[in-house]
Structure formats: structure tokens, C-alpha cells
Amino acid sequence: MQLLKELTVGLETVQPFLNGYGFELENYNINKDSDGYFAFASYTNGNKKLSIDYRFSIGEVLYQYKDSIVSHPFYLDQLGFADKKHHKGFLLKNHLEEFKYILDDFEFLVDDFFKGECNKLIEISILQDSIITELDRKIRKENSIKFDNIRIEKARQLFRNKEYKKCLAIYSFIDNKNLFEEIDNKVIEYCNRHL
């Protein structure tokens, strides 16, 4: 299997560096989902953990200290190495080259992650979590507005079909009442009077 072969050779590229800092292979799995096979390898050293996800190439590299987790690009960007990192993109044609780029980038993380107490990792993890939470909130709000607009249109359609009870039920599930136009308030009043 090509995936296993590439991952094995790739891990052989980074393993001497990891072993040099006391990291040992903890877990190695190959699984299959609807998109095909993927592999996962993790290395640990006490409370520190490095995880590599591999599908068609390196999918994600995560650094963990206790409960704090940071992705490879975000970690390097926040440490000020955005313009110096070697591993800039995924799905390169030469998949094994990616492991060499990751290995080169490890040098930027020696002081904080490999030798240090992960103080920056903890700080960056909090920042990453807050950004993800805010993005999630924005996406949910945007989707909520989209769905509420669909619901409003459905309620109006039910009103036109004189299905007043269903119309009111739909209106009651709308979270963003500020989307109501004057017509919606009149429809709700009319439906309430005719039930």
C-alpha cells in the first residue's frame, strides 16, 4: 500500500530528530473512511505530544502539551516565523519532501516545544481556541440568518395557501426576529385573528 510506504519513509525522516529530544512513537494507525485510507502517527515525551495525520500527503501536524493543542502553521505564524517556515502547503507532488520541510520547521520550535516548557504553545493554543470559537459563532450566526430567511419565505408561502396554523408555527421558530418585515408582523396578526 502506497500510503503506508510513504508514511513509513516520511517518519524515518523526522524520527531521529524526535528521538533526539526524547520523543517516542506512541501510536500508529491506518484507517479507512468514505474518502479512502488515512494514517495517523503520534510521538510523546511526557506531557508533550506530536501528531501527524497523513492521507494523500501530510494533512495536519499538531503539537500538544497537556490539554493545549496548536496546529503547525498557526504555531509557527504566531511565533513570528510565517515568512520563514518551509512547510507552506499541503499536497505537494513529492509527498516525502513535506516531511523534510516539517523537519526543517522543527528547528523553529526547539526552544518552546522540544526543549522548553511549552509556555508559548499554551498561550498560542488559547488564542487559536478563541479564534476558532469566534469563527464558529460567526458561521452559526450566518447560517442562522440564512435558515431564518428560508423559514420566513416558507411561512409566507403557507400564509398564501391559507395554512395559518403552520404559518404561525414556522414564525415561532425564527430566532432572528429582526429579519421580519412589516408584512410578516401583519401576517402573524392576521393568522392569530383567524385561528
N, C-alpha and C. Protein backbone atom coordinates (compact mmCIF):
# COMPACT_ATOMS: atom_id res chain seq x y z
N MET A 1 0.85 -1.18 0.00
CA MET A 1 0.00 0.00 0.00
C MET A 1 0.89 1.24 0.00
N GLN A 2 0.67 2.12 -0.99
CA GLN A 2 1.49 3.30 -1.19
C GLN A 2 1.46 4.24 0.03
N LEU A 3 0.29 4.40 0.62
CA LEU A 3 0.14 5.28 1.78
C LEU A 3 1.07 4.86 2.91
N LEU A 4 1.06 3.59 3.23
CA LEU A 4 1.89 3.06 4.31
C LEU A 4 3.37 3.24 3.99
N LYS A 5 3.72 2.98 2.76
CA LYS A 5 5.11 3.10 2.33
C LYS A 5 5.60 4.55 2.47
N GLU A 6 4.78 5.51 1.98
CA GLU A 6 5.16 6.92 2.05
C GLU A 6 5.26 7.40 3.50
N LEU A 7 4.28 7.01 4.31
CA LEU A 7 4.30 7.44 5.70
C LEU A 7 5.50 6.85 6.43
N THR A 8 5.80 5.61 6.20
CA THR A 8 6.94 4.96 6.85
C THR A 8 8.24 5.67 6.51
N VAL A 9 8.45 5.95 5.22
CA VAL A 9 9.67 6.64 4.79
C VAL A 9 9.68 8.07 5.37
N GLY A 10 8.53 8.73 5.36
CA GLY A 10 8.44 10.08 5.90
C GLY A 10 8.77 10.12 7.38
N LEU A 11 8.23 9.18 8.14
CA LEU A 11 8.50 9.14 9.57
C LEU A 11 9.97 8.85 9.85
N GLU A 12 10.59 8.05 8.99
CA GLU A 12 12.03 7.79 9.14
C GLU A 12 12.83 9.08 8.98
N THR A 13 12.29 10.04 8.24
CA THR A 13 12.95 11.33 8.06
C THR A 13 12.94 12.15 9.34
N VAL A 14 11.81 12.15 10.06
CA VAL A 14 11.68 13.00 11.25
C VAL A 14 12.03 12.28 12.56
N GLN A 15 12.01 10.96 12.54
CA GLN A 15 12.17 10.21 13.78
C GLN A 15 13.51 10.43 14.49
N PRO A 16 14.65 10.50 13.79
CA PRO A 16 15.91 10.76 14.52
C PRO A 16 15.87 12.08 15.29
N PHE A 17 15.29 13.12 14.68
CA PHE A 17 15.17 14.40 15.37
C PHE A 17 14.31 14.23 16.61
N LEU A 18 13.15 13.61 16.45
CA LEU A 18 12.22 13.42 17.56
C LEU A 18 12.84 12.59 18.67
N ASN A 19 13.48 11.51 18.30
CA ASN A 19 14.14 10.66 19.29
C ASN A 19 15.23 11.42 20.03
N GLY A 20 15.92 12.31 19.33
CA GLY A 20 16.97 13.12 19.93
C GLY A 20 16.45 14.04 21.04
N TYR A 21 15.17 14.35 21.00
CA TYR A 21 14.55 15.17 22.04
C TYR A 21 13.65 14.35 22.96
N GLY A 22 13.85 13.04 22.94
CA GLY A 22 13.14 12.17 23.87
C GLY A 22 11.74 11.76 23.46
N PHE A 23 11.35 12.00 22.22
CA PHE A 23 10.02 11.62 21.74
C PHE A 23 10.07 10.20 21.20
N GLU A 24 9.10 9.42 21.61
CA GLU A 24 9.00 8.03 21.16
C GLU A 24 7.66 7.83 20.45
N LEU A 25 7.66 6.94 19.47
CA LEU A 25 6.43 6.62 18.75
C LEU A 25 5.42 6.03 19.73
N GLU A 26 4.26 6.67 19.84
CA GLU A 26 3.22 6.22 20.77
C GLU A 26 2.13 5.44 20.05
N ASN A 27 1.71 5.94 18.90
CA ASN A 27 0.56 5.38 18.22
C ASN A 27 0.77 5.46 16.71
N TYR A 28 0.29 4.45 16.03
CA TYR A 28 0.41 4.38 14.57
C TYR A 28 -0.78 3.60 14.06
N ASN A 29 -1.68 4.27 13.36
CA ASN A 29 -2.89 3.61 12.89
C ASN A 29 -3.13 3.90 11.43
N ILE A 30 -3.71 2.94 10.74
CA ILE A 30 -4.20 3.14 9.39
C ILE A 30 -5.68 2.80 9.42
N ASN A 31 -6.49 3.74 8.94
CA ASN A 31 -7.94 3.56 8.94
C ASN A 31 -8.49 3.89 7.56
N LYS A 32 -9.77 3.62 7.41
CA LYS A 32 -10.44 3.93 6.15
C LYS A 32 -11.76 4.62 6.46
N ASP A 33 -12.04 5.67 5.67
CA ASP A 33 -13.33 6.32 5.77
C ASP A 33 -13.88 6.49 4.35
N SER A 34 -14.89 7.30 4.18
CA SER A 34 -15.53 7.44 2.87
C SER A 34 -14.59 8.04 1.82
N ASP A 35 -13.54 8.75 2.25
CA ASP A 35 -12.59 9.34 1.31
C ASP A 35 -11.40 8.42 1.03
N GLY A 36 -11.35 7.26 1.65
CA GLY A 36 -10.24 6.34 1.43
C GLY A 36 -9.43 6.11 2.70
N TYR A 37 -8.22 5.64 2.51
CA TYR A 37 -7.36 5.33 3.64
C TYR A 37 -6.65 6.58 4.16
N PHE A 38 -6.40 6.59 5.46
CA PHE A 38 -5.61 7.64 6.07
C PHE A 38 -4.82 7.02 7.22
N ALA A 39 -3.74 7.66 7.56
CA ALA A 39 -2.88 7.15 8.63
C ALA A 39 -2.65 8.25 9.65
N PHE A 40 -2.30 7.81 10.83
CA PHE A 40 -2.09 8.73 11.94
C PHE A 40 -0.92 8.20 12.76
N ALA A 41 0.02 9.07 13.06
CA ALA A 41 1.15 8.68 13.91
C ALA A 41 1.32 9.74 14.99
N SER A 42 1.64 9.31 16.20
CA SER A 42 1.88 10.27 17.27
C SER A 42 3.12 9.87 18.06
N TYR A 43 3.82 10.89 18.51
CA TYR A 43 5.03 10.73 19.32
C TYR A 43 4.81 11.46 20.63
N THR A 44 5.30 10.89 21.71
CA THR A 44 5.14 11.53 23.02
C THR A 44 6.46 11.61 23.77
N ASN A 45 6.49 12.61 24.65
CA ASN A 45 7.58 12.79 25.59
C ASN A 45 6.96 13.42 26.82
N GLY A 46 6.59 12.62 27.79
CA GLY A 46 5.92 13.12 28.99
C GLY A 46 4.57 13.72 28.64
N ASN A 47 4.39 14.99 28.95
CA ASN A 47 3.12 15.68 28.66
C ASN A 47 3.07 16.28 27.26
N LYS A 48 4.12 16.07 26.48
CA LYS A 48 4.18 16.62 25.13
C LYS A 48 3.82 15.53 24.11
N LYS A 49 3.09 15.96 23.08
CA LYS A 49 2.68 15.01 22.05
C LYS A 49 2.72 15.71 20.69
N LEU A 50 3.24 15.01 19.70
CA LEU A 50 3.27 15.48 18.32
C LEU A 50 2.48 14.49 17.49
N SER A 51 1.49 14.96 16.75
CA SER A 51 0.65 14.08 15.94
C SER A 51 0.75 14.47 14.48
N ILE A 52 0.81 13.45 13.63
CA ILE A 52 0.87 13.67 12.18
C ILE A 52 -0.25 12.87 11.54
N ASP A 53 -1.09 13.57 10.79
CA ASP A 53 -2.18 12.96 10.03
C ASP A 53 -1.74 12.89 8.58
N TYR A 54 -1.89 11.73 7.97
CA TYR A 54 -1.41 11.54 6.60
C TYR A 54 -2.48 10.85 5.77
N ARG A 55 -2.88 11.49 4.68
CA ARG A 55 -3.86 10.89 3.78
C ARG A 55 -3.24 10.75 2.40
N PHE A 56 -3.26 11.80 1.62
CA PHE A 56 -2.61 11.80 0.32
C PHE A 56 -1.21 12.38 0.46
N SER A 57 -1.05 13.06 1.55
CA SER A 57 0.21 13.68 1.95
C SER A 57 -0.03 14.11 3.40
N ILE A 58 0.87 14.90 3.95
CA ILE A 58 0.65 15.34 5.32
C ILE A 58 -0.60 16.22 5.34
N GLY A 59 -1.55 15.83 6.16
CA GLY A 59 -2.78 16.60 6.26
C GLY A 59 -2.71 17.61 7.38
N GLU A 60 -2.19 17.18 8.51
CA GLU A 60 -2.14 18.08 9.65
C GLU A 60 -1.06 17.61 10.62
N VAL A 61 -0.37 18.58 11.20
CA VAL A 61 0.61 18.30 12.25
C VAL A 61 0.16 19.11 13.46
N LEU A 62 0.00 18.43 14.59
CA LEU A 62 -0.47 19.08 15.81
C LEU A 62 0.55 18.91 16.91
N TYR A 63 0.69 19.96 17.71
CA TYR A 63 1.58 19.95 18.87
C TYR A 63 0.70 20.07 20.10
N GLN A 64 0.96 19.24 21.09
CA GLN A 64 0.12 19.23 22.28
C GLN A 64 0.99 19.22 23.53
N TYR A 65 0.58 20.03 24.50
CA TYR A 65 1.16 19.99 25.84
C TYR A 65 -0.01 19.93 26.80
N LYS A 66 -0.15 18.84 27.50
CA LYS A 66 -1.30 18.59 28.36
C LYS A 66 -2.58 18.79 27.55
N ASP A 67 -3.42 19.76 27.90
CA ASP A 67 -4.67 19.97 27.17
C ASP A 67 -4.57 21.04 26.09
N SER A 68 -3.43 21.65 25.94
CA SER A 68 -3.24 22.71 24.94
C SER A 68 -2.76 22.11 23.63
N ILE A 69 -3.47 22.43 22.54
CA ILE A 69 -3.14 21.89 21.22
C ILE A 69 -3.06 23.03 20.22
N VAL A 70 -2.02 22.97 19.36
CA VAL A 70 -1.83 24.00 18.33
C VAL A 70 -1.45 23.32 17.02
N SER A 71 -1.98 23.86 15.92
CA SER A 71 -1.64 23.33 14.59
C SER A 71 -0.29 23.90 14.15
N HIS A 72 0.38 23.16 13.29
CA HIS A 72 1.71 23.53 12.81
C HIS A 72 1.77 24.94 12.23
N PRO A 73 0.92 25.27 11.23
CA PRO A 73 1.07 26.61 10.64
C PRO A 73 0.74 27.74 11.63
N PHE A 74 -0.26 27.54 12.45
CA PHE A 74 -0.65 28.59 13.40
C PHE A 74 0.45 28.81 14.43
N TYR A 75 1.03 27.74 14.91
CA TYR A 75 2.12 27.81 15.89
C TYR A 75 3.27 28.64 15.32
N LEU A 76 3.72 28.27 14.13
CA LEU A 76 4.86 28.98 13.53
C LEU A 76 4.51 30.43 13.21
N ASP A 77 3.30 30.67 12.70
CA ASP A 77 2.90 32.04 12.39
C ASP A 77 2.92 32.91 13.64
N GLN A 78 2.38 32.39 14.74
CA GLN A 78 2.31 33.17 15.97
C GLN A 78 3.67 33.37 16.63
N LEU A 79 4.60 32.48 16.35
CA LEU A 79 5.96 32.65 16.87
C LEU A 79 6.76 33.62 16.03
N GLY A 80 6.17 34.08 14.91
CA GLY A 80 6.85 35.04 14.06
C GLY A 80 7.64 34.44 12.91
N PHE A 81 7.36 33.18 12.58
CA PHE A 81 8.10 32.51 11.51
C PHE A 81 7.25 32.29 10.26
N ALA A 82 6.20 33.07 10.08
CA ALA A 82 5.29 32.89 8.93
C ALA A 82 6.04 32.95 7.61
N ASP A 83 6.99 33.88 7.51
CA ASP A 83 7.71 34.04 6.24
C ASP A 83 8.96 33.15 6.16
N LYS A 84 9.25 32.41 7.23
CA LYS A 84 10.44 31.55 7.25
C LYS A 84 10.12 30.07 7.22
N LYS A 85 8.87 29.73 7.44
CA LYS A 85 8.54 28.30 7.52
C LYS A 85 8.72 27.64 6.16
N HIS A 86 9.14 26.41 6.21
CA HIS A 86 9.41 25.65 4.99
C HIS A 86 8.18 24.90 4.51
N HIS A 87 7.42 24.39 5.45
CA HIS A 87 6.21 23.62 5.10
C HIS A 87 5.06 24.61 4.95
N LYS A 88 4.84 25.05 3.71
CA LYS A 88 3.84 26.10 3.46
C LYS A 88 2.55 25.55 2.90
N GLY A 89 2.62 24.43 2.24
CA GLY A 89 1.42 23.92 1.60
C GLY A 89 1.33 22.43 1.73
N PHE A 90 0.12 21.97 1.55
CA PHE A 90 -0.11 20.54 1.59
C PHE A 90 -0.30 20.04 0.17
N LEU A 91 -0.24 18.75 0.03
CA LEU A 91 -0.45 18.08 -1.25
C LEU A 91 0.60 18.46 -2.30
N LEU A 92 1.84 18.53 -1.87
CA LEU A 92 2.92 18.72 -2.83
C LEU A 92 3.04 17.46 -3.69
N LYS A 93 3.62 17.62 -4.86
CA LYS A 93 3.76 16.44 -5.74
C LYS A 93 4.68 15.41 -5.13
N ASN A 94 5.75 15.87 -4.51
CA ASN A 94 6.66 14.95 -3.84
C ASN A 94 6.27 14.91 -2.36
N HIS A 95 5.51 13.90 -2.00
CA HIS A 95 4.97 13.81 -0.64
C HIS A 95 6.07 13.69 0.42
N LEU A 96 7.16 13.06 0.07
CA LEU A 96 8.23 12.89 1.05
C LEU A 96 8.96 14.19 1.34
N GLU A 97 8.91 15.13 0.39
CA GLU A 97 9.51 16.43 0.60
C GLU A 97 8.84 17.15 1.77
N GLU A 98 7.55 16.90 1.95
CA GLU A 98 6.82 17.55 3.04
C GLU A 98 7.42 17.20 4.40
N PHE A 99 7.85 15.96 4.56
CA PHE A 99 8.45 15.56 5.83
C PHE A 99 9.77 16.30 6.05
N LYS A 100 10.51 16.53 4.98
CA LYS A 100 11.76 17.30 5.10
C LYS A 100 11.45 18.74 5.50
N TYR A 101 10.39 19.30 4.93
CA TYR A 101 10.00 20.67 5.28
C TYR A 101 9.55 20.75 6.74
N ILE A 102 8.79 19.77 7.17
CA ILE A 102 8.36 19.73 8.57
C ILE A 102 9.58 19.64 9.48
N LEU A 103 10.50 18.78 9.11
CA LEU A 103 11.74 18.62 9.89
C LEU A 103 12.50 19.95 9.97
N ASP A 104 12.60 20.67 8.85
CA ASP A 104 13.26 21.98 8.86
C ASP A 104 12.53 22.94 9.81
N ASP A 105 11.20 22.89 9.80
CA ASP A 105 10.40 23.77 10.66
C ASP A 105 10.53 23.42 12.14
N PHE A 106 10.85 22.17 12.45
CA PHE A 106 11.03 21.78 13.86
C PHE A 106 12.07 22.67 14.54
N GLU A 107 13.06 23.13 13.77
CA GLU A 107 14.13 23.97 14.34
C GLU A 107 13.57 25.24 14.98
N PHE A 108 12.45 25.76 14.43
CA PHE A 108 11.83 26.96 14.99
C PHE A 108 11.13 26.68 16.32
N LEU A 109 10.90 25.41 16.60
CA LEU A 109 10.12 25.03 17.77
C LEU A 109 10.95 24.41 18.89
N VAL A 110 12.25 24.34 18.69
CA VAL A 110 13.12 23.69 19.67
C VAL A 110 13.00 24.34 21.03
N ASP A 111 13.13 25.65 21.10
CA ASP A 111 13.15 26.33 22.39
C ASP A 111 11.84 26.20 23.16
N ASP A 112 10.71 26.30 22.47
CA ASP A 112 9.43 26.26 23.18
C ASP A 112 8.90 24.84 23.34
N PHE A 113 8.86 24.09 22.25
CA PHE A 113 8.20 22.78 22.32
C PHE A 113 9.16 21.64 22.67
N PHE A 114 10.22 21.49 21.93
CA PHE A 114 11.08 20.32 22.11
C PHE A 114 11.94 20.37 23.38
N LYS A 115 12.53 21.53 23.69
CA LYS A 115 13.35 21.66 24.89
C LYS A 115 12.64 22.41 26.01
N GLY A 116 11.73 23.28 25.64
CA GLY A 116 11.14 24.19 26.62
C GLY A 116 9.94 23.64 27.37
N GLU A 117 9.28 24.55 28.07
CA GLU A 117 8.12 24.21 28.90
C GLU A 117 6.80 24.48 28.19
N CYS A 118 6.85 24.77 26.89
CA CYS A 118 5.66 24.99 26.07
C CYS A 118 4.85 26.22 26.51
N ASN A 119 5.51 27.19 27.07
CA ASN A 119 4.80 28.40 27.50
C ASN A 119 4.12 29.11 26.34
N LYS A 120 4.82 29.23 25.23
CA LYS A 120 4.24 29.89 24.05
C LYS A 120 3.13 29.02 23.46
N LEU A 121 3.33 27.72 23.44
CA LEU A 121 2.30 26.81 22.92
C LEU A 121 1.00 26.99 23.68
N ILE A 122 1.07 27.07 25.00
CA ILE A 122 -0.12 27.24 25.83
C ILE A 122 -0.81 28.56 25.49
N GLU A 123 -0.02 29.62 25.39
CA GLU A 123 -0.55 30.95 25.06
C GLU A 123 -1.18 30.95 23.67
N ILE A 124 -0.50 30.35 22.70
CA ILE A 124 -0.99 30.31 21.31
C ILE A 124 -2.22 29.42 21.20
N SER A 125 -2.26 28.36 21.98
CA SER A 125 -3.43 27.48 21.98
C SER A 125 -4.68 28.22 22.42
N ILE A 126 -4.54 29.07 23.44
CA ILE A 126 -5.68 29.87 23.92
C ILE A 126 -6.14 30.81 22.82
N LEU A 127 -5.20 31.44 22.13
CA LEU A 127 -5.52 32.35 21.03
C LEU A 127 -6.21 31.57 19.90
N GLN A 128 -5.65 30.43 19.53
CA GLN A 128 -6.24 29.61 18.46
C GLN A 128 -7.67 29.20 18.82
N ASP A 129 -7.86 28.77 20.06
CA ASP A 129 -9.20 28.37 20.51
C ASP A 129 -10.18 29.53 20.44
N SER A 130 -9.74 30.72 20.83
CA SER A 130 -10.66 31.87 20.79
C SER A 130 -10.99 32.26 19.36
N ILE A 131 -10.03 32.15 18.46
CA ILE A 131 -10.29 32.45 17.05
C ILE A 131 -11.28 31.44 16.47
N ILE A 132 -11.06 30.17 16.78
CA ILE A 132 -11.96 29.12 16.29
C ILE A 132 -13.36 29.32 16.85
N THR A 133 -13.45 29.64 18.12
CA THR A 133 -14.76 29.88 18.75
C THR A 133 -15.47 31.05 18.09
N GLU A 134 -14.75 32.12 17.83
CA GLU A 134 -15.35 33.30 17.20
C GLU A 134 -15.78 32.98 15.77
N LEU A 135 -14.95 32.26 15.02
CA LEU A 135 -15.33 31.87 13.66
C LEU A 135 -16.56 30.98 13.69
N ASP A 136 -16.60 30.05 14.62
CA ASP A 136 -17.75 29.17 14.75
C ASP A 136 -19.01 29.97 15.05
N ARG A 137 -18.88 30.95 15.95
CA ARG A 137 -20.02 31.80 16.30
C ARG A 137 -20.52 32.56 15.07
N LYS A 138 -19.58 33.12 14.29
CA LYS A 138 -19.96 33.88 13.09
C LYS A 138 -20.63 32.98 12.05
N ILE A 139 -20.07 31.79 11.86
CA ILE A 139 -20.65 30.85 10.90
C ILE A 139 -22.04 30.44 11.32
N ARG A 140 -22.20 30.14 12.61
CA ARG A 140 -23.53 29.76 13.12
C ARG A 140 -24.52 30.90 12.94
N LYS A 141 -24.08 32.13 13.21
CA LYS A 141 -24.97 33.28 13.06
C LYS A 141 -25.37 33.45 11.60
N GLU A 142 -24.37 33.36 10.69
CA GLU A 142 -24.66 33.48 9.26
C GLU A 142 -25.63 32.40 8.81
N ASN A 143 -25.39 31.18 9.24
CA ASN A 143 -26.29 30.09 8.87
C ASN A 143 -27.67 30.28 9.49
N SER A 144 -27.69 30.77 10.71
CA SER A 144 -28.96 31.02 11.38
C SER A 144 -29.78 32.04 10.58
N ILE A 145 -29.13 33.08 10.11
CA ILE A 145 -29.82 34.10 9.31
C ILE A 145 -30.31 33.50 8.00
N LYS A 146 -29.46 32.69 7.35
CA LYS A 146 -29.88 32.05 6.10
C LYS A 146 -31.10 31.16 6.32
N PHE A 147 -31.04 30.34 7.36
CA PHE A 147 -32.15 29.44 7.63
C PHE A 147 -33.41 30.20 8.04
N ASP A 148 -33.23 31.28 8.79
CA ASP A 148 -34.39 32.08 9.17
C ASP A 148 -35.03 32.74 7.95
N ASN A 149 -34.23 33.19 7.02
CA ASN A 149 -34.79 33.76 5.78
C ASN A 149 -35.57 32.71 5.00
N ILE A 150 -35.07 31.49 4.98
CA ILE A 150 -35.78 30.39 4.33
C ILE A 150 -37.09 30.12 5.06
N ARG A 151 -37.04 30.12 6.39
CA ARG A 151 -38.25 29.89 7.18
C ARG A 151 -39.29 30.99 6.95
N ILE A 152 -38.84 32.23 6.88
CA ILE A 152 -39.76 33.34 6.64
C ILE A 152 -40.46 33.16 5.29
N GLU A 153 -39.69 32.82 4.29
CA GLU A 153 -40.30 32.59 2.97
C GLU A 153 -41.29 31.43 3.01
N LYS A 154 -40.95 30.38 3.74
CA LYS A 154 -41.85 29.24 3.89
C LYS A 154 -43.13 29.65 4.61
N ALA A 155 -42.99 30.46 5.67
CA ALA A 155 -44.17 30.93 6.41
C ALA A 155 -45.07 31.77 5.51
N ARG A 156 -44.47 32.62 4.70
CA ARG A 156 -45.26 33.44 3.77
C ARG A 156 -46.00 32.56 2.76
N GLN A 157 -45.32 31.52 2.29
CA GLN A 157 -45.95 30.59 1.34
C GLN A 157 -47.14 29.90 2.00
N LEU A 158 -46.97 29.45 3.23
CA LEU A 158 -48.06 28.80 3.97
C LEU A 158 -49.23 29.78 4.17
N PHE A 159 -48.92 31.04 4.42
CA PHE A 159 -49.97 32.05 4.58
C PHE A 159 -50.76 32.19 3.27
N ARG A 160 -50.03 32.26 2.15
CA ARG A 160 -50.70 32.36 0.85
C ARG A 160 -51.61 31.16 0.59
N ASN A 161 -51.22 30.01 1.14
CA ASN A 161 -52.02 28.79 0.98
C ASN A 161 -53.07 28.66 2.07
N LYS A 162 -53.21 29.71 2.90
CA LYS A 162 -54.20 29.77 3.99
C LYS A 162 -54.01 28.69 5.05
N GLU A 163 -52.74 28.29 5.25
CA GLU A 163 -52.40 27.32 6.29
C GLU A 163 -51.86 28.12 7.48
N TYR A 164 -52.76 28.80 8.16
CA TYR A 164 -52.40 29.78 9.18
C TYR A 164 -51.71 29.15 10.39
N LYS A 165 -52.15 27.99 10.82
CA LYS A 165 -51.54 27.35 11.99
C LYS A 165 -50.08 26.98 11.71
N LYS A 166 -49.84 26.38 10.54
CA LYS A 166 -48.47 26.02 10.16
C LYS A 166 -47.62 27.27 9.97
N CYS A 167 -48.24 28.30 9.40
CA CYS A 167 -47.54 29.57 9.18
C CYS A 167 -47.03 30.12 10.52
N LEU A 168 -47.90 30.17 11.52
CA LEU A 168 -47.51 30.67 12.84
C LEU A 168 -46.44 29.80 13.49
N ALA A 169 -46.56 28.49 13.29
CA ALA A 169 -45.57 27.58 13.86
C ALA A 169 -44.18 27.87 13.29
N ILE A 170 -44.11 28.09 12.00
CA ILE A 170 -42.81 28.41 11.37
C ILE A 170 -42.27 29.72 11.92
N TYR A 171 -43.12 30.75 11.97
CA TYR A 171 -42.67 32.04 12.51
C TYR A 171 -42.15 31.91 13.94
N SER A 172 -42.75 31.02 14.71
CA SER A 172 -42.34 30.89 16.12
C SER A 172 -40.93 30.32 16.27
N PHE A 173 -40.44 29.62 15.25
CA PHE A 173 -39.11 29.02 15.32
C PHE A 173 -38.01 29.92 14.79
N ILE A 174 -38.36 31.11 14.37
CA ILE A 174 -37.37 32.03 13.82
C ILE A 174 -36.64 32.73 14.96
N ASP A 175 -35.32 32.60 14.97
CA ASP A 175 -34.50 33.19 16.03
C ASP A 175 -34.25 34.68 15.81
N ASN A 176 -34.01 35.05 14.57
CA ASN A 176 -33.64 36.43 14.23
C ASN A 176 -34.89 37.23 13.85
N LYS A 177 -35.64 37.62 14.86
CA LYS A 177 -36.90 38.33 14.62
C LYS A 177 -36.67 39.67 13.92
N ASN A 178 -35.44 40.18 14.00
CA ASN A 178 -35.13 41.43 13.31
C ASN A 178 -35.22 41.30 11.79
N LEU A 179 -35.30 40.08 11.29
CA LEU A 179 -35.44 39.85 9.85
C LEU A 179 -36.88 40.07 9.37
N PHE A 180 -37.79 40.12 10.32
CA PHE A 180 -39.20 40.34 9.96
C PHE A 180 -39.36 41.70 9.29
N GLU A 181 -40.14 41.70 8.25
CA GLU A 181 -40.55 42.95 7.63
C GLU A 181 -41.93 43.28 8.15
N GLU A 182 -42.42 44.46 7.80
CA GLU A 182 -43.75 44.87 8.26
C GLU A 182 -44.80 43.85 7.86
N ILE A 183 -44.65 43.28 6.67
CA ILE A 183 -45.63 42.30 6.17
C ILE A 183 -45.69 41.07 7.06
N ASP A 184 -44.54 40.66 7.62
CA ASP A 184 -44.52 39.47 8.47
C ASP A 184 -45.31 39.70 9.75
N ASN A 185 -45.17 40.88 10.32
CA ASN A 185 -45.94 41.20 11.53
C ASN A 185 -47.44 41.22 11.23
N LYS A 186 -47.80 41.75 10.06
CA LYS A 186 -49.22 41.76 9.67
C LYS A 186 -49.74 40.34 9.43
N VAL A 187 -48.91 39.49 8.82
CA VAL A 187 -49.30 38.10 8.58
C VAL A 187 -49.54 37.39 9.91
N ILE A 188 -48.64 37.61 10.87
CA ILE A 188 -48.77 36.97 12.19
C ILE A 188 -50.07 37.44 12.87
N GLU A 189 -50.33 38.74 12.81
CA GLU A 189 -51.57 39.29 13.40
C GLU A 189 -52.80 38.65 12.73
N TYR A 190 -52.77 38.59 11.43
CA TYR A 190 -53.91 38.04 10.67
C TYR A 190 -54.13 36.58 11.03
N CYS A 191 -53.04 35.82 11.08
CA CYS A 191 -53.16 34.38 11.42
C CYS A 191 -53.72 34.19 12.81
N ASN A 192 -53.27 35.00 13.75
CA ASN A 192 -53.77 34.89 15.15
C ASN A 192 -55.26 35.21 15.21
N ARG A 193 -55.71 36.17 14.42
CA ARG A 193 -57.13 36.53 14.43
C ARG A 193 -58.01 35.45 13.78
N HIS A 194 -57.45 34.69 12.85
CA HIS A 194 -58.26 33.74 12.08
C HIS A 194 -58.06 32.28 12.50
N LEU A 195 -57.56 32.07 13.67
CA LEU A 195 -57.43 30.68 14.17
C LEU A 195 -58.53 30.38 15.16
